[in-house]
N, C-alpha and C. Protein backbone atom coordinates (compact mmCIF):
# COMPACT_ATOMS: atom_id res chain seq x y z
N MET A 1 11.26 17.14 -5.90
CA MET A 1 9.96 16.57 -5.64
C MET A 1 8.86 17.54 -6.09
N LYS A 2 9.19 18.28 -7.13
CA LYS A 2 8.24 19.24 -7.70
C LYS A 2 6.94 18.56 -8.12
N GLN A 3 7.02 17.36 -8.65
CA GLN A 3 5.83 16.64 -9.10
C GLN A 3 4.83 16.45 -7.95
N TYR A 4 5.33 16.10 -6.78
CA TYR A 4 4.48 15.91 -5.61
C TYR A 4 3.83 17.24 -5.21
N LEU A 5 4.61 18.30 -5.16
CA LEU A 5 4.07 19.61 -4.80
C LEU A 5 3.05 20.09 -5.81
N ASP A 6 3.30 19.84 -7.10
CA ASP A 6 2.33 20.20 -8.14
C ASP A 6 1.03 19.43 -7.95
N ALA A 7 1.13 18.17 -7.56
CA ALA A 7 -0.07 17.36 -7.33
C ALA A 7 -0.87 17.92 -6.15
N LEU A 8 -0.19 18.31 -5.08
CA LEU A 8 -0.88 18.91 -3.93
C LEU A 8 -1.61 20.18 -4.34
N ARG A 9 -0.92 21.01 -5.09
CA ARG A 9 -1.52 22.27 -5.56
C ARG A 9 -2.75 21.98 -6.44
N HIS A 10 -2.61 21.01 -7.34
CA HIS A 10 -3.72 20.65 -8.23
C HIS A 10 -4.94 20.20 -7.43
N ILE A 11 -4.71 19.41 -6.40
CA ILE A 11 -5.83 18.94 -5.56
C ILE A 11 -6.48 20.11 -4.82
N LEU A 12 -5.67 20.97 -4.23
CA LEU A 12 -6.22 22.11 -3.51
C LEU A 12 -7.03 23.03 -4.41
N GLU A 13 -6.53 23.25 -5.63
CA GLU A 13 -7.19 24.18 -6.55
C GLU A 13 -8.34 23.56 -7.32
N ASN A 14 -8.29 22.26 -7.58
CA ASN A 14 -9.28 21.64 -8.47
C ASN A 14 -10.04 20.47 -7.85
N GLY A 15 -9.67 20.08 -6.65
CA GLY A 15 -10.32 18.92 -6.03
C GLY A 15 -11.79 19.15 -5.74
N VAL A 16 -12.54 18.08 -5.81
CA VAL A 16 -13.97 18.10 -5.53
C VAL A 16 -14.16 17.73 -4.06
N ASN A 17 -14.93 18.52 -3.34
CA ASN A 17 -15.21 18.20 -1.94
C ASN A 17 -16.15 17.00 -1.86
N LYS A 18 -15.75 16.01 -1.05
CA LYS A 18 -16.56 14.80 -0.88
C LYS A 18 -16.63 14.45 0.60
N GLN A 19 -17.74 13.88 1.00
CA GLN A 19 -17.87 13.35 2.35
C GLN A 19 -17.23 11.97 2.39
N ASP A 20 -16.79 11.57 3.57
CA ASP A 20 -16.18 10.25 3.70
C ASP A 20 -16.66 9.57 4.98
N ARG A 21 -16.24 8.32 5.16
CA ARG A 21 -16.69 7.52 6.30
C ARG A 21 -16.24 8.10 7.64
N THR A 22 -15.18 8.91 7.64
CA THR A 22 -14.66 9.45 8.90
C THR A 22 -15.38 10.71 9.34
N GLY A 23 -16.13 11.33 8.42
CA GLY A 23 -16.79 12.58 8.72
C GLY A 23 -15.89 13.79 8.54
N THR A 24 -14.64 13.57 8.19
CA THR A 24 -13.69 14.66 7.99
C THR A 24 -13.90 15.35 6.65
N GLY A 25 -14.20 14.56 5.64
CA GLY A 25 -14.33 15.08 4.28
C GLY A 25 -13.00 15.06 3.56
N THR A 26 -13.07 15.09 2.25
CA THR A 26 -11.85 15.06 1.43
C THR A 26 -11.98 16.02 0.25
N LYS A 27 -10.85 16.31 -0.34
CA LYS A 27 -10.80 16.95 -1.66
C LYS A 27 -10.31 15.86 -2.59
N ALA A 28 -11.06 15.57 -3.62
CA ALA A 28 -10.76 14.42 -4.46
C ALA A 28 -10.49 14.80 -5.90
N ILE A 29 -9.51 14.11 -6.47
CA ILE A 29 -9.22 14.11 -7.90
C ILE A 29 -9.18 12.64 -8.29
N PHE A 30 -9.92 12.26 -9.30
CA PHE A 30 -9.96 10.86 -9.70
C PHE A 30 -8.92 10.58 -10.79
N GLY A 31 -8.12 9.54 -10.57
CA GLY A 31 -7.20 9.07 -11.61
C GLY A 31 -5.91 9.86 -11.75
N MET A 32 -5.52 10.60 -10.75
CA MET A 32 -4.26 11.35 -10.82
C MET A 32 -3.08 10.38 -10.86
N GLN A 33 -2.06 10.72 -11.62
CA GLN A 33 -0.88 9.86 -11.73
C GLN A 33 0.39 10.64 -11.39
N LEU A 34 1.30 9.95 -10.74
CA LEU A 34 2.66 10.45 -10.50
C LEU A 34 3.60 9.41 -11.08
N ARG A 35 4.71 9.85 -11.67
CA ARG A 35 5.69 8.93 -12.25
C ARG A 35 7.07 9.29 -11.73
N PHE A 36 7.82 8.25 -11.36
CA PHE A 36 9.16 8.45 -10.82
C PHE A 36 10.14 7.53 -11.54
N ASN A 37 11.19 8.11 -12.05
CA ASN A 37 12.24 7.35 -12.72
C ASN A 37 13.36 7.15 -11.71
N MET A 38 13.63 5.90 -11.37
CA MET A 38 14.66 5.60 -10.37
C MET A 38 16.05 6.00 -10.85
N ASN A 39 16.23 6.18 -12.16
CA ASN A 39 17.51 6.68 -12.66
C ASN A 39 17.77 8.10 -12.17
N ASP A 40 16.71 8.80 -11.78
CA ASP A 40 16.84 10.17 -11.27
C ASP A 40 17.12 10.20 -9.77
N GLY A 41 17.21 9.03 -9.14
CA GLY A 41 17.48 8.95 -7.71
C GLY A 41 16.29 8.44 -6.94
N PHE A 42 16.51 8.18 -5.66
CA PHE A 42 15.47 7.65 -4.79
C PHE A 42 14.36 8.68 -4.62
N PRO A 43 13.11 8.30 -4.84
CA PRO A 43 12.01 9.28 -4.82
C PRO A 43 11.47 9.56 -3.42
N ALA A 44 12.22 10.28 -2.64
CA ALA A 44 11.76 10.64 -1.29
C ALA A 44 11.32 12.10 -1.27
N VAL A 45 10.20 12.34 -0.63
CA VAL A 45 9.72 13.71 -0.44
C VAL A 45 10.71 14.43 0.47
N THR A 46 11.18 15.58 0.03
CA THR A 46 12.19 16.32 0.80
C THR A 46 11.65 17.64 1.35
N THR A 47 10.38 17.93 1.08
CA THR A 47 9.80 19.19 1.53
C THR A 47 9.13 19.08 2.89
N LYS A 48 9.13 17.89 3.44
CA LYS A 48 8.62 17.66 4.79
C LYS A 48 9.36 16.47 5.35
N LYS A 49 9.28 16.31 6.66
CA LYS A 49 9.97 15.18 7.29
C LYS A 49 9.30 13.88 6.86
N LEU A 50 10.12 12.93 6.45
CA LEU A 50 9.65 11.59 6.11
C LEU A 50 10.11 10.65 7.21
N ALA A 51 9.18 10.00 7.85
CA ALA A 51 9.52 9.04 8.91
C ALA A 51 10.07 7.79 8.24
N PHE A 52 11.32 7.89 7.79
CA PHE A 52 11.91 6.84 6.96
C PHE A 52 11.94 5.49 7.66
N ASN A 53 12.30 5.46 8.93
CA ASN A 53 12.37 4.18 9.65
C ASN A 53 10.99 3.53 9.76
N SER A 54 9.95 4.32 9.98
CA SER A 54 8.59 3.77 10.03
C SER A 54 8.16 3.27 8.66
N MET A 55 8.49 4.02 7.62
CA MET A 55 8.16 3.60 6.26
C MET A 55 8.84 2.28 5.92
N LYS A 56 10.11 2.20 6.27
CA LYS A 56 10.88 0.98 6.00
C LYS A 56 10.32 -0.20 6.80
N ALA A 57 10.01 0.03 8.07
CA ALA A 57 9.47 -1.04 8.92
C ALA A 57 8.14 -1.54 8.37
N GLU A 58 7.27 -0.62 7.95
CA GLU A 58 5.97 -1.02 7.41
C GLU A 58 6.15 -1.84 6.13
N LEU A 59 7.02 -1.40 5.24
CA LEU A 59 7.23 -2.14 3.99
C LEU A 59 7.77 -3.54 4.26
N LEU A 60 8.75 -3.65 5.14
CA LEU A 60 9.29 -4.98 5.47
C LEU A 60 8.24 -5.86 6.14
N TRP A 61 7.39 -5.26 6.94
CA TRP A 61 6.29 -5.97 7.59
C TRP A 61 5.30 -6.50 6.55
N PHE A 62 4.98 -5.65 5.55
CA PHE A 62 4.12 -6.11 4.45
C PHE A 62 4.77 -7.28 3.72
N ILE A 63 6.05 -7.12 3.38
CA ILE A 63 6.77 -8.15 2.62
C ILE A 63 6.79 -9.47 3.40
N LYS A 64 6.91 -9.37 4.71
CA LYS A 64 6.91 -10.57 5.56
C LYS A 64 5.56 -11.28 5.54
N GLY A 65 4.50 -10.53 5.25
CA GLY A 65 3.16 -11.12 5.23
C GLY A 65 2.47 -11.09 6.57
N SER A 66 2.87 -10.20 7.44
CA SER A 66 2.33 -10.16 8.79
C SER A 66 1.08 -9.28 8.88
N SER A 67 0.28 -9.55 9.90
CA SER A 67 -0.85 -8.69 10.24
C SER A 67 -0.83 -8.35 11.74
N ASP A 68 0.29 -8.62 12.40
CA ASP A 68 0.42 -8.41 13.84
C ASP A 68 1.07 -7.06 14.11
N VAL A 69 0.27 -6.11 14.60
CA VAL A 69 0.77 -4.76 14.85
C VAL A 69 1.89 -4.75 15.89
N LYS A 70 1.93 -5.77 16.75
CA LYS A 70 2.98 -5.81 17.78
C LYS A 70 4.37 -5.94 17.15
N GLU A 71 4.45 -6.59 15.99
CA GLU A 71 5.74 -6.68 15.28
C GLU A 71 6.21 -5.30 14.83
N LEU A 72 5.29 -4.47 14.38
CA LEU A 72 5.64 -3.10 13.99
C LEU A 72 6.05 -2.28 15.21
N GLN A 73 5.32 -2.44 16.29
CA GLN A 73 5.61 -1.68 17.51
C GLN A 73 7.01 -1.98 18.02
N LYS A 74 7.46 -3.23 17.89
CA LYS A 74 8.82 -3.59 18.31
C LYS A 74 9.87 -2.84 17.51
N LEU A 75 9.50 -2.42 16.29
CA LEU A 75 10.41 -1.67 15.43
C LEU A 75 10.24 -0.16 15.61
N GLY A 76 9.43 0.23 16.59
CA GLY A 76 9.21 1.65 16.86
C GLY A 76 8.23 2.30 15.91
N CYS A 77 7.45 1.50 15.22
CA CYS A 77 6.48 2.01 14.24
C CYS A 77 5.08 1.86 14.81
N HIS A 78 4.36 2.96 14.89
CA HIS A 78 3.04 2.95 15.52
C HIS A 78 1.93 3.45 14.59
N ILE A 79 2.17 3.43 13.29
CA ILE A 79 1.19 3.99 12.35
C ILE A 79 -0.08 3.16 12.21
N TRP A 80 -0.05 1.91 12.63
CA TRP A 80 -1.23 1.04 12.54
C TRP A 80 -1.91 0.83 13.90
N ASP A 81 -1.40 1.42 14.96
CA ASP A 81 -1.94 1.18 16.30
C ASP A 81 -3.44 1.50 16.40
N ALA A 82 -3.85 2.65 15.87
CA ALA A 82 -5.25 3.06 15.98
C ALA A 82 -6.18 2.08 15.27
N ASN A 83 -5.73 1.54 14.14
CA ASN A 83 -6.55 0.56 13.43
C ASN A 83 -6.72 -0.72 14.24
N ALA A 84 -5.66 -1.14 14.90
CA ALA A 84 -5.73 -2.37 15.71
C ALA A 84 -6.64 -2.19 16.91
N GLU A 85 -6.77 -0.96 17.40
CA GLU A 85 -7.57 -0.67 18.59
C GLU A 85 -8.96 -0.12 18.28
N ALA A 86 -9.30 0.01 17.01
CA ALA A 86 -10.59 0.61 16.64
C ALA A 86 -11.76 -0.22 17.15
N ASP A 87 -12.78 0.46 17.66
CA ASP A 87 -13.95 -0.23 18.22
C ASP A 87 -14.62 -1.15 17.21
N TYR A 88 -14.71 -0.73 15.96
CA TYR A 88 -15.36 -1.56 14.95
C TYR A 88 -14.55 -2.82 14.64
N TRP A 89 -13.23 -2.77 14.87
CA TRP A 89 -12.37 -3.89 14.48
C TRP A 89 -12.13 -4.89 15.61
N LYS A 90 -11.97 -4.41 16.83
CA LYS A 90 -11.56 -5.29 17.93
C LYS A 90 -12.39 -6.58 18.06
N PRO A 91 -13.71 -6.56 17.87
CA PRO A 91 -14.46 -7.82 17.96
C PRO A 91 -14.11 -8.82 16.85
N LYS A 92 -13.57 -8.34 15.75
CA LYS A 92 -13.22 -9.23 14.62
C LYS A 92 -11.79 -9.76 14.71
N ALA A 93 -10.94 -9.09 15.48
CA ALA A 93 -9.53 -9.47 15.56
C ALA A 93 -9.39 -10.89 16.12
N ARG A 94 -8.48 -11.65 15.56
CA ARG A 94 -8.25 -13.03 16.00
C ARG A 94 -7.40 -13.09 17.26
N PHE A 95 -6.60 -12.05 17.49
CA PHE A 95 -5.75 -11.96 18.68
C PHE A 95 -5.44 -10.48 18.90
N GLU A 96 -4.94 -10.15 20.08
CA GLU A 96 -4.62 -8.76 20.38
C GLU A 96 -3.53 -8.27 19.44
N GLY A 97 -3.81 -7.19 18.73
CA GLY A 97 -2.85 -6.64 17.77
C GLY A 97 -3.06 -7.12 16.34
N ASP A 98 -4.01 -8.00 16.14
CA ASP A 98 -4.29 -8.51 14.79
C ASP A 98 -4.99 -7.46 13.95
N LEU A 99 -4.55 -7.31 12.71
CA LEU A 99 -5.18 -6.38 11.77
C LEU A 99 -5.92 -7.12 10.66
N GLY A 100 -5.95 -8.43 10.75
CA GLY A 100 -6.70 -9.20 9.77
C GLY A 100 -5.92 -9.47 8.49
N ARG A 101 -6.65 -9.65 7.41
CA ARG A 101 -6.05 -10.08 6.15
C ARG A 101 -5.68 -8.87 5.29
N ILE A 102 -4.86 -8.00 5.86
CA ILE A 102 -4.44 -6.76 5.19
C ILE A 102 -3.29 -7.02 4.22
N TYR A 103 -2.73 -5.94 3.70
CA TYR A 103 -1.71 -5.92 2.65
C TYR A 103 -0.80 -7.15 2.57
N GLY A 104 0.08 -7.27 3.52
CA GLY A 104 1.09 -8.33 3.45
C GLY A 104 0.50 -9.72 3.44
N VAL A 105 -0.60 -9.90 4.16
CA VAL A 105 -1.26 -11.21 4.16
C VAL A 105 -1.78 -11.51 2.76
N GLN A 106 -2.37 -10.51 2.11
CA GLN A 106 -2.85 -10.72 0.74
C GLN A 106 -1.69 -10.97 -0.22
N TRP A 107 -0.60 -10.23 -0.04
CA TRP A 107 0.56 -10.40 -0.92
C TRP A 107 1.15 -11.80 -0.80
N ARG A 108 1.24 -12.30 0.44
CA ARG A 108 1.97 -13.55 0.70
C ARG A 108 1.08 -14.76 0.95
N LYS A 109 -0.19 -14.53 1.31
CA LYS A 109 -1.08 -15.65 1.69
C LYS A 109 -2.49 -15.46 1.14
N TRP A 110 -2.58 -15.03 -0.13
CA TRP A 110 -3.89 -14.88 -0.79
C TRP A 110 -4.56 -16.25 -0.80
N LYS A 111 -5.82 -16.30 -0.46
CA LYS A 111 -6.54 -17.59 -0.47
C LYS A 111 -7.38 -17.70 -1.74
N ASN A 112 -7.16 -18.80 -2.47
CA ASN A 112 -7.99 -19.05 -3.64
C ASN A 112 -9.31 -19.68 -3.18
N PRO A 113 -10.25 -19.96 -4.09
CA PRO A 113 -11.55 -20.50 -3.66
C PRO A 113 -11.47 -21.81 -2.87
N GLU A 114 -10.38 -22.56 -3.07
CA GLU A 114 -10.21 -23.81 -2.31
C GLU A 114 -9.43 -23.59 -1.01
N SER A 115 -9.21 -22.33 -0.65
CA SER A 115 -8.47 -21.93 0.55
C SER A 115 -6.99 -22.28 0.49
N LYS A 116 -6.47 -22.54 -0.70
CA LYS A 116 -5.03 -22.74 -0.87
C LYS A 116 -4.37 -21.36 -0.88
N GLU A 117 -3.27 -21.23 -0.14
CA GLU A 117 -2.58 -19.95 -0.09
C GLU A 117 -1.68 -19.76 -1.29
N ILE A 118 -1.72 -18.55 -1.84
CA ILE A 118 -0.89 -18.19 -2.98
C ILE A 118 0.04 -17.07 -2.54
N ASP A 119 1.33 -17.25 -2.75
CA ASP A 119 2.32 -16.23 -2.43
C ASP A 119 2.51 -15.38 -3.69
N GLN A 120 1.71 -14.33 -3.81
CA GLN A 120 1.74 -13.49 -5.00
C GLN A 120 3.10 -12.82 -5.20
N LEU A 121 3.71 -12.39 -4.12
CA LEU A 121 4.99 -11.69 -4.23
C LEU A 121 6.08 -12.63 -4.73
N ALA A 122 6.15 -13.83 -4.17
CA ALA A 122 7.14 -14.81 -4.64
C ALA A 122 6.89 -15.18 -6.09
N GLU A 123 5.63 -15.32 -6.47
CA GLU A 123 5.28 -15.65 -7.85
C GLU A 123 5.68 -14.51 -8.79
N ALA A 124 5.48 -13.27 -8.37
CA ALA A 124 5.88 -12.12 -9.20
C ALA A 124 7.39 -12.12 -9.42
N ILE A 125 8.16 -12.36 -8.36
CA ILE A 125 9.62 -12.40 -8.48
C ILE A 125 10.04 -13.53 -9.41
N LYS A 126 9.40 -14.68 -9.27
CA LYS A 126 9.69 -15.82 -10.15
C LYS A 126 9.41 -15.47 -11.61
N GLN A 127 8.29 -14.82 -11.86
CA GLN A 127 7.93 -14.46 -13.23
C GLN A 127 8.89 -13.41 -13.81
N ILE A 128 9.32 -12.47 -12.99
CA ILE A 128 10.29 -11.47 -13.45
C ILE A 128 11.56 -12.16 -13.92
N LYS A 129 11.99 -13.17 -13.17
CA LYS A 129 13.22 -13.90 -13.51
C LYS A 129 13.03 -14.85 -14.69
N GLU A 130 11.91 -15.58 -14.70
CA GLU A 130 11.73 -16.67 -15.67
C GLU A 130 10.90 -16.30 -16.90
N ASN A 131 10.03 -15.32 -16.77
CA ASN A 131 9.14 -14.96 -17.87
C ASN A 131 8.92 -13.45 -17.88
N PRO A 132 10.01 -12.68 -18.06
CA PRO A 132 9.92 -11.24 -17.91
C PRO A 132 9.01 -10.54 -18.92
N SER A 133 8.68 -11.19 -20.02
CA SER A 133 7.79 -10.56 -21.00
C SER A 133 6.31 -10.72 -20.64
N SER A 134 6.02 -11.43 -19.56
CA SER A 134 4.63 -11.63 -19.15
C SER A 134 3.96 -10.31 -18.81
N ARG A 135 2.70 -10.22 -19.16
CA ARG A 135 1.89 -9.06 -18.80
C ARG A 135 1.04 -9.36 -17.56
N ARG A 136 1.35 -10.47 -16.91
CA ARG A 136 0.57 -10.93 -15.75
C ARG A 136 1.37 -10.88 -14.45
N ILE A 137 2.40 -10.08 -14.41
CA ILE A 137 3.22 -10.00 -13.19
C ILE A 137 2.56 -8.96 -12.27
N ILE A 138 1.61 -9.43 -11.52
CA ILE A 138 0.71 -8.57 -10.75
C ILE A 138 0.61 -9.07 -9.31
N VAL A 139 0.55 -8.13 -8.38
CA VAL A 139 0.26 -8.42 -6.97
C VAL A 139 -0.95 -7.58 -6.59
N ASN A 140 -1.95 -8.23 -6.01
CA ASN A 140 -3.22 -7.59 -5.73
C ASN A 140 -3.57 -7.76 -4.25
N ALA A 141 -3.82 -6.65 -3.57
CA ALA A 141 -4.22 -6.72 -2.16
C ALA A 141 -5.72 -6.55 -1.97
N TRP A 142 -6.44 -6.21 -3.05
CA TRP A 142 -7.88 -6.00 -2.95
C TRP A 142 -8.58 -7.33 -3.16
N ASN A 143 -9.00 -7.95 -2.07
CA ASN A 143 -9.67 -9.24 -2.11
C ASN A 143 -11.11 -9.02 -1.63
N PRO A 144 -12.06 -8.85 -2.55
CA PRO A 144 -13.43 -8.52 -2.15
C PRO A 144 -14.03 -9.49 -1.14
N GLY A 145 -13.66 -10.75 -1.23
CA GLY A 145 -14.21 -11.74 -0.31
C GLY A 145 -13.67 -11.62 1.10
N GLU A 146 -12.62 -10.81 1.29
CA GLU A 146 -12.01 -10.70 2.63
C GLU A 146 -11.96 -9.26 3.16
N ILE A 147 -12.61 -8.33 2.48
CA ILE A 147 -12.60 -6.93 2.94
C ILE A 147 -13.08 -6.82 4.39
N GLU A 148 -14.10 -7.58 4.74
CA GLU A 148 -14.63 -7.52 6.11
C GLU A 148 -13.69 -8.15 7.12
N GLN A 149 -12.66 -8.84 6.65
CA GLN A 149 -11.67 -9.45 7.53
C GLN A 149 -10.41 -8.58 7.64
N MET A 150 -10.53 -7.32 7.25
CA MET A 150 -9.40 -6.39 7.29
C MET A 150 -9.74 -5.22 8.21
N ALA A 151 -8.80 -4.83 9.05
CA ALA A 151 -9.00 -3.66 9.89
C ALA A 151 -9.18 -2.42 9.03
N LEU A 152 -8.52 -2.39 7.89
CA LEU A 152 -8.62 -1.28 6.94
C LEU A 152 -8.41 -1.85 5.54
N PRO A 153 -9.37 -1.68 4.64
CA PRO A 153 -9.15 -2.16 3.27
C PRO A 153 -7.95 -1.45 2.64
N PRO A 154 -7.26 -2.13 1.73
CA PRO A 154 -6.04 -1.54 1.17
C PRO A 154 -6.29 -0.28 0.35
N CYS A 155 -5.42 0.69 0.53
CA CYS A 155 -5.44 1.91 -0.29
C CYS A 155 -4.58 1.68 -1.53
N HIS A 156 -3.30 1.39 -1.34
CA HIS A 156 -2.46 1.01 -2.49
C HIS A 156 -2.65 -0.49 -2.66
N MET A 157 -3.47 -0.82 -3.63
CA MET A 157 -4.05 -2.16 -3.65
C MET A 157 -3.59 -3.06 -4.77
N PHE A 158 -2.89 -2.55 -5.72
CA PHE A 158 -2.58 -3.33 -6.91
C PHE A 158 -1.28 -2.81 -7.50
N PHE A 159 -0.34 -3.72 -7.79
CA PHE A 159 0.84 -3.27 -8.52
C PHE A 159 1.24 -4.30 -9.56
N GLN A 160 1.80 -3.79 -10.65
CA GLN A 160 2.17 -4.62 -11.79
C GLN A 160 3.59 -4.28 -12.21
N PHE A 161 4.35 -5.33 -12.52
CA PHE A 161 5.72 -5.18 -13.00
C PHE A 161 5.73 -5.31 -14.51
N PHE A 162 6.66 -4.59 -15.14
CA PHE A 162 6.82 -4.60 -16.59
C PHE A 162 8.32 -4.59 -16.87
N VAL A 163 8.77 -5.57 -17.62
CA VAL A 163 10.20 -5.67 -17.94
C VAL A 163 10.37 -5.48 -19.44
N THR A 164 11.23 -4.56 -19.82
CA THR A 164 11.57 -4.36 -21.22
C THR A 164 13.02 -3.90 -21.30
N ASP A 165 13.74 -4.44 -22.27
CA ASP A 165 15.16 -4.11 -22.44
C ASP A 165 15.94 -4.29 -21.14
N ASN A 166 15.60 -5.32 -20.39
CA ASN A 166 16.26 -5.65 -19.13
C ASN A 166 16.10 -4.57 -18.06
N LYS A 167 15.06 -3.74 -18.19
CA LYS A 167 14.74 -2.71 -17.20
C LYS A 167 13.39 -3.04 -16.58
N LEU A 168 13.34 -2.87 -15.28
CA LEU A 168 12.13 -3.18 -14.52
C LEU A 168 11.34 -1.90 -14.24
N SER A 169 10.07 -1.92 -14.58
CA SER A 169 9.16 -0.82 -14.24
C SER A 169 8.07 -1.37 -13.34
N LEU A 170 7.49 -0.49 -12.55
CA LEU A 170 6.43 -0.87 -11.64
C LEU A 170 5.34 0.19 -11.72
N GLN A 171 4.11 -0.27 -11.80
CA GLN A 171 2.98 0.64 -11.74
C GLN A 171 2.10 0.22 -10.57
N MET A 172 1.71 1.19 -9.76
CA MET A 172 0.90 0.91 -8.58
C MET A 172 -0.40 1.69 -8.69
N TYR A 173 -1.50 1.05 -8.35
CA TYR A 173 -2.81 1.70 -8.34
C TYR A 173 -3.24 1.87 -6.89
N GLN A 174 -3.70 3.07 -6.59
CA GLN A 174 -4.14 3.38 -5.24
C GLN A 174 -5.57 3.90 -5.31
N ARG A 175 -6.49 3.27 -4.60
CA ARG A 175 -7.90 3.66 -4.67
C ARG A 175 -8.18 4.93 -3.88
N SER A 176 -7.34 5.18 -2.89
CA SER A 176 -7.54 6.30 -1.99
C SER A 176 -6.20 6.63 -1.34
N CYS A 177 -5.99 7.90 -1.03
CA CYS A 177 -4.72 8.23 -0.38
C CYS A 177 -4.84 9.54 0.39
N ASP A 178 -4.05 9.63 1.41
CA ASP A 178 -3.86 10.87 2.15
C ASP A 178 -2.60 11.49 1.56
N MET A 179 -2.77 12.48 0.71
CA MET A 179 -1.63 13.04 -0.02
C MET A 179 -0.58 13.64 0.91
N PHE A 180 -0.98 14.17 2.06
CA PHE A 180 -0.02 14.82 2.94
C PHE A 180 0.67 13.84 3.88
N LEU A 181 -0.04 12.78 4.27
CA LEU A 181 0.52 11.85 5.25
C LEU A 181 0.99 10.54 4.62
N GLY A 182 0.12 9.86 3.89
CA GLY A 182 0.42 8.53 3.39
C GLY A 182 1.23 8.48 2.11
N VAL A 183 0.96 9.39 1.19
CA VAL A 183 1.62 9.32 -0.12
C VAL A 183 3.14 9.45 -0.04
N PRO A 184 3.71 10.30 0.82
CA PRO A 184 5.18 10.30 0.92
C PRO A 184 5.74 8.91 1.28
N PHE A 185 5.03 8.16 2.12
CA PHE A 185 5.42 6.77 2.41
C PHE A 185 5.31 5.93 1.14
N ASN A 186 4.15 6.05 0.46
CA ASN A 186 3.89 5.23 -0.72
C ASN A 186 4.90 5.50 -1.83
N ILE A 187 5.29 6.74 -2.01
CA ILE A 187 6.28 7.08 -3.04
C ILE A 187 7.61 6.40 -2.73
N ALA A 188 8.04 6.49 -1.48
CA ALA A 188 9.35 5.95 -1.11
C ALA A 188 9.36 4.43 -0.99
N SER A 189 8.21 3.84 -0.70
CA SER A 189 8.21 2.38 -0.52
C SER A 189 7.66 1.68 -1.73
């Protein structure tokens, strides 16, 4: 996982200090890329503990299309609890534990202008099988019209599949990330 450690070092040495909405501040590098070849093995960070069960639970929760934090809690995953309980969010929540139209909801229940739901993930899988040369095999969680309906706007917000020579590649775009906490999850999931 040298690539990950090199990225951390690069941020520490070259990152630009920026203020953020939390008041904590960040060190930022714009447009940094990491690449992982699955032929080299599963890309898990091994230099720190990875809460693998929480990472797996969150990914399956996203895939299911849920926004109910109680479903994650039943799996022993509490990484979204603070967002569900945030003072700014609670008045907007539709029910206790609701996180709004976050990741999985956008992946599985994107609303078009006519409010018809689109299952982007199912459509991507269909296109991979039926039209693998398409350059439109994309899943997008950044829905500008629904940002205010999300407890937290998506960080890893866009991914695209590319099939060539019967090999599947995936590229993911992340607008923001916590390199020490969130990115190890994002790499593995």
